[in-house]
Amino acid sequence: NYYYFEIDGHRPRAEYILVRDKIYLTHT
């Protein structure tokens, strides 16, 4: 449950929770 980029061996990310038909972005 996270979106991310691969950059120079690092992984910046945006975490989420998917509940039914909604998405909650919880942490970047």
PDB file of all heavy atoms in Angstrom:
ATOM      1  N   ASN A   1       0.789  -1.234   0.000  1.00  0.00           N
ATOM      2  CA  ASN A   1       0.000   0.000   0.000  1.00  0.00           C
ATOM      3  C   ASN A   1       0.822   1.285   0.000  1.00  0.00           C
ATOM      4  O   ASN A   1       0.650   2.147   0.858  1.00  0.00           O
ATOM      5  CB  ASN A   1      -0.995   0.019   1.173  1.00  0.00           C
ATOM      6  CG  ASN A   1      -2.012  -1.086   1.063  1.00  0.00           C
ATOM      7  OD1 ASN A   1      -2.416  -1.465  -0.031  1.00  0.00           O
ATOM      8  ND2 ASN A   1      -2.419  -1.615   2.184  1.00  0.00           N
ATOM      9  N   TYR A   2       1.700   1.402  -0.985  1.00  0.00           N
ATOM     10  CA  TYR A   2       2.344   2.696  -1.170  1.00  0.00           C
ATOM     11  C   TYR A   2       2.756   2.900  -2.621  1.00  0.00           C
ATOM     12  O   TYR A   2       3.087   1.980  -3.340  1.00  0.00           O
ATOM     13  CB  TYR A   2       3.551   2.887  -0.226  1.00  0.00           C
ATOM     14  CG  TYR A   2       4.718   1.948  -0.420  1.00  0.00           C
ATOM     15  CD1 TYR A   2       5.735   2.239  -1.334  1.00  0.00           C
ATOM     16  CD2 TYR A   2       4.834   0.792   0.335  1.00  0.00           C
ATOM     17  CE1 TYR A   2       6.826   1.391  -1.491  1.00  0.00           C
ATOM     18  CE2 TYR A   2       5.918  -0.058   0.190  1.00  0.00           C
ATOM     19  CZ  TYR A   2       6.911   0.249  -0.727  1.00  0.00           C
ATOM     20  OH  TYR A   2       7.986  -0.588  -0.889  1.00  0.00           O
ATOM     21  N   TYR A   3       2.660   4.172  -3.024  1.00  0.00           N
ATOM     22  CA  TYR A   3       3.192   4.625  -4.302  1.00  0.00           C
ATOM     23  C   TYR A   3       4.633   5.033  -4.056  1.00  0.00           C
ATOM     24  O   TYR A   3       4.974   5.497  -2.962  1.00  0.00           O
ATOM     25  CB  TYR A   3       2.434   5.861  -4.786  1.00  0.00           C
ATOM     26  CG  TYR A   3       1.036   5.628  -5.264  1.00  0.00           C
ATOM     27  CD1 TYR A   3      -0.054   5.829  -4.427  1.00  0.00           C
ATOM     28  CD2 TYR A   3       0.793   5.254  -6.586  1.00  0.00           C
ATOM     29  CE1 TYR A   3      -1.352   5.652  -4.886  1.00  0.00           C
ATOM     30  CE2 TYR A   3      -0.501   5.079  -7.048  1.00  0.00           C
ATOM     31  CZ  TYR A   3      -1.569   5.283  -6.195  1.00  0.00           C
ATOM     32  OH  TYR A   3      -2.848   5.110  -6.654  1.00  0.00           O
ATOM     33  N   TYR A   4       5.476   4.932  -5.072  1.00  0.00           N
ATOM     34  CA  TYR A   4       6.867   5.318  -4.864  1.00  0.00           C
ATOM     35  C   TYR A   4       7.584   5.591  -6.176  1.00  0.00           C
ATOM     36  O   TYR A   4       7.106   5.266  -7.257  1.00  0.00           O
ATOM     37  CB  TYR A   4       7.611   4.230  -4.084  1.00  0.00           C
ATOM     38  CG  TYR A   4       7.758   2.911  -4.823  1.00  0.00           C
ATOM     39  CD1 TYR A   4       8.955   2.572  -5.440  1.00  0.00           C
ATOM     40  CD2 TYR A   4       6.712   1.997  -4.899  1.00  0.00           C
ATOM     41  CE1 TYR A   4       9.100   1.364  -6.108  1.00  0.00           C
ATOM     42  CE2 TYR A   4       6.845   0.795  -5.559  1.00  0.00           C
ATOM     43  CZ  TYR A   4       8.045   0.484  -6.163  1.00  0.00           C
ATOM     44  OH  TYR A   4       8.172  -0.705  -6.838  1.00  0.00           O
ATOM     45  N   PHE A   5       8.750   6.225  -6.035  1.00  0.00           N
ATOM     46  CA  PHE A   5       9.727   6.388  -7.109  1.00  0.00           C
ATOM     47  C   PHE A   5      10.967   5.599  -6.707  1.00  0.00           C
ATOM     48  O   PHE A   5      11.259   5.475  -5.518  1.00  0.00           O
ATOM     49  CB  PHE A   5      10.168   7.853  -7.262  1.00  0.00           C
ATOM     50  CG  PHE A   5       9.125   8.816  -7.743  1.00  0.00           C
ATOM     51  CD1 PHE A   5       9.130  10.123  -7.263  1.00  0.00           C
ATOM     52  CD2 PHE A   5       8.169   8.471  -8.674  1.00  0.00           C
ATOM     53  CE1 PHE A   5       8.209  11.043  -7.706  1.00  0.00           C
ATOM     54  CE2 PHE A   5       7.231   9.384  -9.124  1.00  0.00           C
ATOM     55  CZ  PHE A   5       7.256  10.682  -8.637  1.00  0.00           C
ATOM     56  N   GLU A   6      11.703   5.102  -7.677  1.00  0.00           N
ATOM     57  CA  GLU A   6      13.038   4.534  -7.458  1.00  0.00           C
ATOM     58  C   GLU A   6      14.029   5.590  -7.933  1.00  0.00           C
ATOM     59  O   GLU A   6      14.090   5.897  -9.127  1.00  0.00           O
ATOM     60  CB  GLU A   6      13.238   3.255  -8.271  1.00  0.00           C
ATOM     61  CG  GLU A   6      12.552   2.042  -7.728  1.00  0.00           C
ATOM     62  CD  GLU A   6      13.262   1.427  -6.520  1.00  0.00           C
ATOM     63  OE1 GLU A   6      14.416   1.806  -6.210  1.00  0.00           O
ATOM     64  OE2 GLU A   6      12.644   0.573  -5.884  1.00  0.00           O
ATOM     65  N   ILE A   7      14.794   6.174  -6.991  1.00  0.00           N
ATOM     66  CA  ILE A   7      15.747   7.223  -7.350  1.00  0.00           C
ATOM     67  C   ILE A   7      17.071   6.936  -6.645  1.00  0.00           C
ATOM     68  O   ILE A   7      17.159   7.014  -5.418  1.00  0.00           O
ATOM     69  CB  ILE A   7      15.238   8.620  -6.938  1.00  0.00           C
ATOM     70  CG1 ILE A   7      13.880   8.912  -7.580  1.00  0.00           C
ATOM     71  CG2 ILE A   7      16.260   9.697  -7.316  1.00  0.00           C
ATOM     72  CD1 ILE A   7      13.231  10.182  -7.077  1.00  0.00           C
ATOM     73  N   ASP A   8      18.086   6.619  -7.427  1.00  0.00           N
ATOM     74  CA  ASP A   8      19.441   6.403  -6.889  1.00  0.00           C
ATOM     75  C   ASP A   8      19.448   5.472  -5.677  1.00  0.00           C
ATOM     76  O   ASP A   8      20.096   5.755  -4.663  1.00  0.00           O
ATOM     77  CB  ASP A   8      20.087   7.748  -6.517  1.00  0.00           C
ATOM     78  CG  ASP A   8      20.229   8.669  -7.725  1.00  0.00           C
ATOM     79  OD1 ASP A   8      20.406   8.154  -8.842  1.00  0.00           O
ATOM     80  OD2 ASP A   8      20.150   9.896  -7.541  1.00  0.00           O
ATOM     81  N   GLY A   9      18.705   4.384  -5.749  1.00  0.00           N
ATOM     82  CA  GLY A   9      18.671   3.412  -4.665  1.00  0.00           C
ATOM     83  C   GLY A   9      17.772   3.810  -3.505  1.00  0.00           C
ATOM     84  O   GLY A   9      17.714   3.109  -2.497  1.00  0.00           O
ATOM     85  N   HIS A  10      17.070   4.921  -3.626  1.00  0.00           N
ATOM     86  CA  HIS A  10      16.151   5.380  -2.580  1.00  0.00           C
ATOM     87  C   HIS A  10      14.718   5.238  -3.072  1.00  0.00           C
ATOM     88  O   HIS A  10      14.460   5.158  -4.270  1.00  0.00           O
ATOM     89  CB  HIS A  10      16.434   6.840  -2.210  1.00  0.00           C
ATOM     90  CG  HIS A  10      17.811   7.058  -1.690  1.00  0.00           C
ATOM     91  ND1 HIS A  10      18.212   6.657  -0.436  1.00  0.00           N
ATOM     92  CD2 HIS A  10      18.901   7.617  -2.276  1.00  0.00           C
ATOM     93  CE1 HIS A  10      19.481   6.975  -0.262  1.00  0.00           C
ATOM     94  NE2 HIS A  10      19.928   7.547  -1.377  1.00  0.00           N
ATOM     95  N   ARG A  11      13.800   5.232  -2.122  1.00  0.00           N
ATOM     96  CA  ARG A  11      12.406   5.006  -2.456  1.00  0.00           C
ATOM     97  C   ARG A  11      11.492   6.012  -1.750  1.00  0.00           C
ATOM     98  O   ARG A  11      10.850   5.693  -0.754  1.00  0.00           O
ATOM     99  CB  ARG A  11      12.041   3.594  -2.026  1.00  0.00           C
ATOM    100  CG  ARG A  11      10.973   2.958  -2.879  1.00  0.00           C
ATOM    101  CD  ARG A  11      10.768   1.526  -2.462  1.00  0.00           C
ATOM    102  NE  ARG A  11      11.234   0.665  -3.527  1.00  0.00           N
ATOM    103  CZ  ARG A  11      10.864  -0.585  -3.687  1.00  0.00           C
ATOM    104  NH1 ARG A  11      10.050  -1.146  -2.832  1.00  0.00           N
ATOM    105  NH2 ARG A  11      11.312  -1.288  -4.683  1.00  0.00           N
ATOM    106  N   PRO A  12      11.412   7.259  -2.254  1.00  0.00           N
ATOM    107  CA  PRO A  12      10.422   8.179  -1.703  1.00  0.00           C
ATOM    108  C   PRO A  12       9.042   7.585  -1.934  1.00  0.00           C
ATOM    109  O   PRO A  12       8.793   6.984  -2.986  1.00  0.00           O
ATOM    110  CB  PRO A  12      10.630   9.468  -2.495  1.00  0.00           C
ATOM    111  CG  PRO A  12      11.471   9.114  -3.663  1.00  0.00           C
ATOM    112  CD  PRO A  12      12.158   7.831  -3.373  1.00  0.00           C
ATOM    113  N   ARG A  13       8.154   7.747  -0.937  1.00  0.00           N
ATOM    114  CA  ARG A  13       6.867   7.059  -1.065  1.00  0.00           C
ATOM    115  C   ARG A  13       5.717   7.849  -0.454  1.00  0.00           C
ATOM    116  O   ARG A  13       5.902   8.696   0.402  1.00  0.00           O
ATOM    117  CB  ARG A  13       6.949   5.685  -0.444  1.00  0.00           C
ATOM    118  CG  ARG A  13       7.077   5.681   1.061  1.00  0.00           C
ATOM    119  CD  ARG A  13       7.122   4.247   1.585  1.00  0.00           C
ATOM    120  NE  ARG A  13       7.135   4.213   3.025  1.00  0.00           N
ATOM    121  CZ  ARG A  13       8.227   4.123   3.768  1.00  0.00           C
ATOM    122  NH1 ARG A  13       9.398   4.059   3.183  1.00  0.00           N
ATOM    123  NH2 ARG A  13       8.149   4.102   5.074  1.00  0.00           N
ATOM    124  N   ALA A  14       4.537   7.482  -0.907  1.00  0.00           N
ATOM    125  CA  ALA A  14       3.277   7.993  -0.369  1.00  0.00           C
ATOM    126  C   ALA A  14       2.442   6.771  -0.001  1.00  0.00           C
ATOM    127  O   ALA A  14       2.051   5.995  -0.867  1.00  0.00           O
ATOM    128  CB  ALA A  14       2.550   8.859  -1.392  1.00  0.00           C
ATOM    129  N   GLU A  15       2.203   6.621   1.291  1.00  0.00           N
ATOM    130  CA  GLU A  15       1.474   5.451   1.789  1.00  0.00           C
ATOM    131  C   GLU A  15      -0.031   5.708   1.744  1.00  0.00           C
ATOM    132  O   GLU A  15      -0.479   6.848   1.899  1.00  0.00           O
ATOM    133  CB  GLU A  15       1.927   5.138   3.210  1.00  0.00           C
ATOM    134  CG  GLU A  15       3.413   4.813   3.276  1.00  0.00           C
ATOM    135  CD  GLU A  15       3.938   4.709   4.699  1.00  0.00           C
ATOM    136  OE1 GLU A  15       3.159   4.819   5.671  1.00  0.00           O
ATOM    137  OE2 GLU A  15       5.162   4.503   4.837  1.00  0.00           O
ATOM    138  N   TYR A  16      -0.777   4.635   1.565  1.00  0.00           N
ATOM    139  CA  TYR A  16      -2.233   4.776   1.470  1.00  0.00           C
ATOM    140  C   TYR A  16      -2.951   3.580   2.076  1.00  0.00           C
ATOM    141  O   TYR A  16      -2.375   2.522   2.309  1.00  0.00           O
ATOM    142  CB  TYR A  16      -2.670   4.974   0.024  1.00  0.00           C
ATOM    143  CG  TYR A  16      -2.399   3.801  -0.899  1.00  0.00           C
ATOM    144  CD1 TYR A  16      -3.312   2.753  -1.012  1.00  0.00           C
ATOM    145  CD2 TYR A  16      -1.246   3.736  -1.668  1.00  0.00           C
ATOM    146  CE1 TYR A  16      -3.078   1.675  -1.861  1.00  0.00           C
ATOM    147  CE2 TYR A  16      -0.990   2.675  -2.520  1.00  0.00           C
ATOM    148  CZ  TYR A  16      -1.913   1.650  -2.613  1.00  0.00           C
ATOM    149  OH  TYR A  16      -1.679   0.595  -3.453  1.00  0.00           O
ATOM    150  N   ILE A  17      -4.241   3.815   2.312  1.00  0.00           N
ATOM    151  CA  ILE A  17      -5.160   2.751   2.708  1.00  0.00           C
ATOM    152  C   ILE A  17      -6.311   2.812   1.718  1.00  0.00           C
ATOM    153  O   ILE A  17      -6.865   3.882   1.468  1.00  0.00           O
ATOM    154  CB  ILE A  17      -5.689   2.957   4.144  1.00  0.00           C
ATOM    155  CG1 ILE A  17      -4.543   2.957   5.153  1.00  0.00           C
ATOM    156  CG2 ILE A  17      -6.716   1.891   4.494  1.00  0.00           C
ATOM    157  CD1 ILE A  17      -4.945   3.422   6.543  1.00  0.00           C
ATOM    158  N   LEU A  18      -6.646   1.690   1.156  1.00  0.00           N
ATOM    159  CA  LEU A  18      -7.770   1.591   0.224  1.00  0.00           C
ATOM    160  C   LEU A  18      -8.906   0.888   0.941  1.00  0.00           C
ATOM    161  O   LEU A  18      -8.755  -0.253   1.375  1.00  0.00           O
ATOM    162  CB  LEU A  18      -7.321   0.801  -1.008  1.00  0.00           C
ATOM    163  CG  LEU A  18      -8.141   0.891  -2.275  1.00  0.00           C
ATOM    164  CD1 LEU A  18      -8.328   2.334  -2.722  1.00  0.00           C
ATOM    165  CD2 LEU A  18      -7.470   0.093  -3.371  1.00  0.00           C
ATOM    166  N   VAL A  19     -10.022   1.593   1.118  1.00  0.00           N
ATOM    167  CA  VAL A  19     -11.176   1.027   1.809  1.00  0.00           C
ATOM    168  C   VAL A  19     -12.392   1.202   0.904  1.00  0.00           C
ATOM    169  O   VAL A  19     -12.773   2.325   0.576  1.00  0.00           O
ATOM    170  CB  VAL A  19     -11.433   1.729   3.167  1.00  0.00           C
ATOM    171  CG1 VAL A  19     -12.642   1.141   3.854  1.00  0.00           C
ATOM    172  CG2 VAL A  19     -10.215   1.616   4.061  1.00  0.00           C
ATOM    173  N   ARG A  20     -12.957   0.075   0.538  1.00  0.00           N
ATOM    174  CA  ARG A  20     -14.079   0.046  -0.402  1.00  0.00           C
ATOM    175  C   ARG A  20     -13.763   0.901  -1.624  1.00  0.00           C
ATOM    176  O   ARG A  20     -12.868   0.598  -2.372  1.00  0.00           O
ATOM    177  CB  ARG A  20     -15.371   0.460   0.291  1.00  0.00           C
ATOM    178  CG  ARG A  20     -15.870  -0.635   1.214  1.00  0.00           C
ATOM    179  CD  ARG A  20     -17.192  -0.272   1.893  1.00  0.00           C
ATOM    180  NE  ARG A  20     -17.047  -0.604   3.306  1.00  0.00           N
ATOM    181  CZ  ARG A  20     -16.989   0.272   4.289  1.00  0.00           C
ATOM    182  NH1 ARG A  20     -17.111   1.536   4.057  1.00  0.00           N
ATOM    183  NH2 ARG A  20     -16.840  -0.113   5.526  1.00  0.00           N
ATOM    184  N   ASP A  21     -14.457   2.009  -1.785  1.00  0.00           N
ATOM    185  CA  ASP A  21     -14.277   2.826  -2.982  1.00  0.00           C
ATOM    186  C   ASP A  21     -13.521   4.116  -2.691  1.00  0.00           C
ATOM    187  O   ASP A  21     -13.562   5.049  -3.487  1.00  0.00           O
ATOM    188  CB  ASP A  21     -15.633   3.149  -3.594  1.00  0.00           C
ATOM    189  CG  ASP A  21     -16.482   4.028  -2.676  1.00  0.00           C
ATOM    190  OD1 ASP A  21     -16.235   4.025  -1.445  1.00  0.00           O
ATOM    191  OD2 ASP A  21     -17.379   4.718  -3.182  1.00  0.00           O
ATOM    192  N   LYS A  22     -12.818   4.206  -1.558  1.00  0.00           N
ATOM    193  CA  LYS A  22     -12.097   5.433  -1.201  1.00  0.00           C
ATOM    194  C   LYS A  22     -10.630   5.127  -0.938  1.00  0.00           C
ATOM    195  O   LYS A  22     -10.274   4.043  -0.509  1.00  0.00           O
ATOM    196  CB  LYS A  22     -12.714   6.074   0.052  1.00  0.00           C
ATOM    197  CG  LYS A  22     -14.128   6.538  -0.167  1.00  0.00           C
ATOM    198  CD  LYS A  22     -14.697   7.178   1.080  1.00  0.00           C
ATOM    199  CE  LYS A  22     -16.159   7.514   0.818  1.00  0.00           C
ATOM    200  NZ  LYS A  22     -16.776   8.144   1.972  1.00  0.00           N
ATOM    201  N   ILE A  23      -9.792   6.156  -1.180  1.00  0.00           N
ATOM    202  CA  ILE A  23      -8.375   6.024  -0.877  1.00  0.00           C
ATOM    203  C   ILE A  23      -7.995   7.087   0.150  1.00  0.00           C
ATOM    204  O   ILE A  23      -8.402   8.240   0.054  1.00  0.00           O
ATOM    205  CB  ILE A  23      -7.501   6.118  -2.146  1.00  0.00           C
ATOM    206  CG1 ILE A  23      -6.056   5.754  -1.833  1.00  0.00           C
ATOM    207  CG2 ILE A  23      -7.625   7.468  -2.826  1.00  0.00           C
ATOM    208  CD1 ILE A  23      -5.194   5.453  -3.043  1.00  0.00           C
ATOM    209  N   TYR A  24      -7.240   6.655   1.150  1.00  0.00           N
ATOM    210  CA  TYR A  24      -6.747   7.535   2.208  1.00  0.00           C
ATOM    211  C   TYR A  24      -5.237   7.626   2.047  1.00  0.00           C
ATOM    212  O   TYR A  24      -4.550   6.601   2.129  1.00  0.00           O
ATOM    213  CB  TYR A  24      -7.061   6.949   3.585  1.00  0.00           C
ATOM    214  CG  TYR A  24      -8.529   6.780   3.888  1.00  0.00           C
ATOM    215  CD1 TYR A  24      -9.274   5.766   3.293  1.00  0.00           C
ATOM    216  CD2 TYR A  24      -9.163   7.632   4.784  1.00  0.00           C
ATOM    217  CE1 TYR A  24     -10.628   5.613   3.575  1.00  0.00           C
ATOM    218  CE2 TYR A  24     -10.517   7.477   5.082  1.00  0.00           C
ATOM    219  CZ  TYR A  24     -11.238   6.465   4.466  1.00  0.00           C
ATOM    220  OH  TYR A  24     -12.579   6.312   4.751  1.00  0.00           O
ATOM    221  N   LEU A  25      -4.710   8.821   1.772  1.00  0.00           N
ATOM    222  CA  LEU A  25      -3.262   8.999   1.754  1.00  0.00           C
ATOM    223  C   LEU A  25      -2.838   9.325   3.179  1.00  0.00           C
ATOM    224  O   LEU A  25      -3.294  10.309   3.763  1.00  0.00           O
ATOM    225  CB  LEU A  25      -2.857  10.109   0.787  1.00  0.00           C
ATOM    226  CG  LEU A  25      -3.038   9.764  -0.694  1.00  0.00           C
ATOM    227  CD1 LEU A  25      -2.684  10.947  -1.579  1.00  0.00           C
ATOM    228  CD2 LEU A  25      -2.213   8.555  -1.081  1.00  0.00           C
ATOM    229  N   THR A  26      -1.999   8.472   3.753  1.00  0.00           N
ATOM    230  CA  THR A  26      -1.712   8.550   5.180  1.00  0.00           C
ATOM    231  C   THR A  26      -0.341   9.123   5.518  1.00  0.00           C
ATOM    232  O   THR A  26      -0.153   9.657   6.610  1.00  0.00           O
ATOM    233  CB  THR A  26      -1.815   7.152   5.816  1.00  0.00           C
ATOM    234  OG1 THR A  26      -0.881   6.275   5.165  1.00  0.00           O
ATOM    235  CG2 THR A  26      -3.217   6.597   5.681  1.00  0.00           C
ATOM    236  N   HIS A  27       0.626   9.016   4.606  1.00  0.00           N
ATOM    237  CA  HIS A  27       1.990   9.433   4.953  1.00  0.00           C
ATOM    238  C   HIS A  27       2.803   9.613   3.677  1.00  0.00           C
ATOM    239  O   HIS A  27       2.702   8.802   2.755  1.00  0.00           O
ATOM    240  CB  HIS A  27       2.633   8.357   5.833  1.00  0.00           C
ATOM    241  CG  HIS A  27       4.036   8.659   6.248  1.00  0.00           C
ATOM    242  ND1 HIS A  27       4.344   9.659   7.142  1.00  0.00           N
ATOM    243  CD2 HIS A  27       5.215   8.087   5.899  1.00  0.00           C
ATOM    244  CE1 HIS A  27       5.664   9.676   7.319  1.00  0.00           C
ATOM    245  NE2 HIS A  27       6.209   8.744   6.577  1.00  0.00           N
ATOM    246  N   THR A  28       3.589  10.676   3.637  1.00  0.00           N
ATOM    247  CA  THR A  28       4.517  10.905   2.532  1.00  0.00           C
ATOM    248  C   THR A  28       5.911  11.016   3.123  1.00  0.00           C
ATOM    249  O   THR A  28       6.101  11.702   4.125  1.00  0.00           O
ATOM    250  CB  THR A  28       4.164  12.213   1.785  1.00  0.00           C
ATOM    251  OG1 THR A  28       2.822  12.124   1.315  1.00  0.00           O
ATOM    252  CG2 THR A  28       5.087  12.442   0.605  1.00  0.00           C
TER     253      THR A  28
END
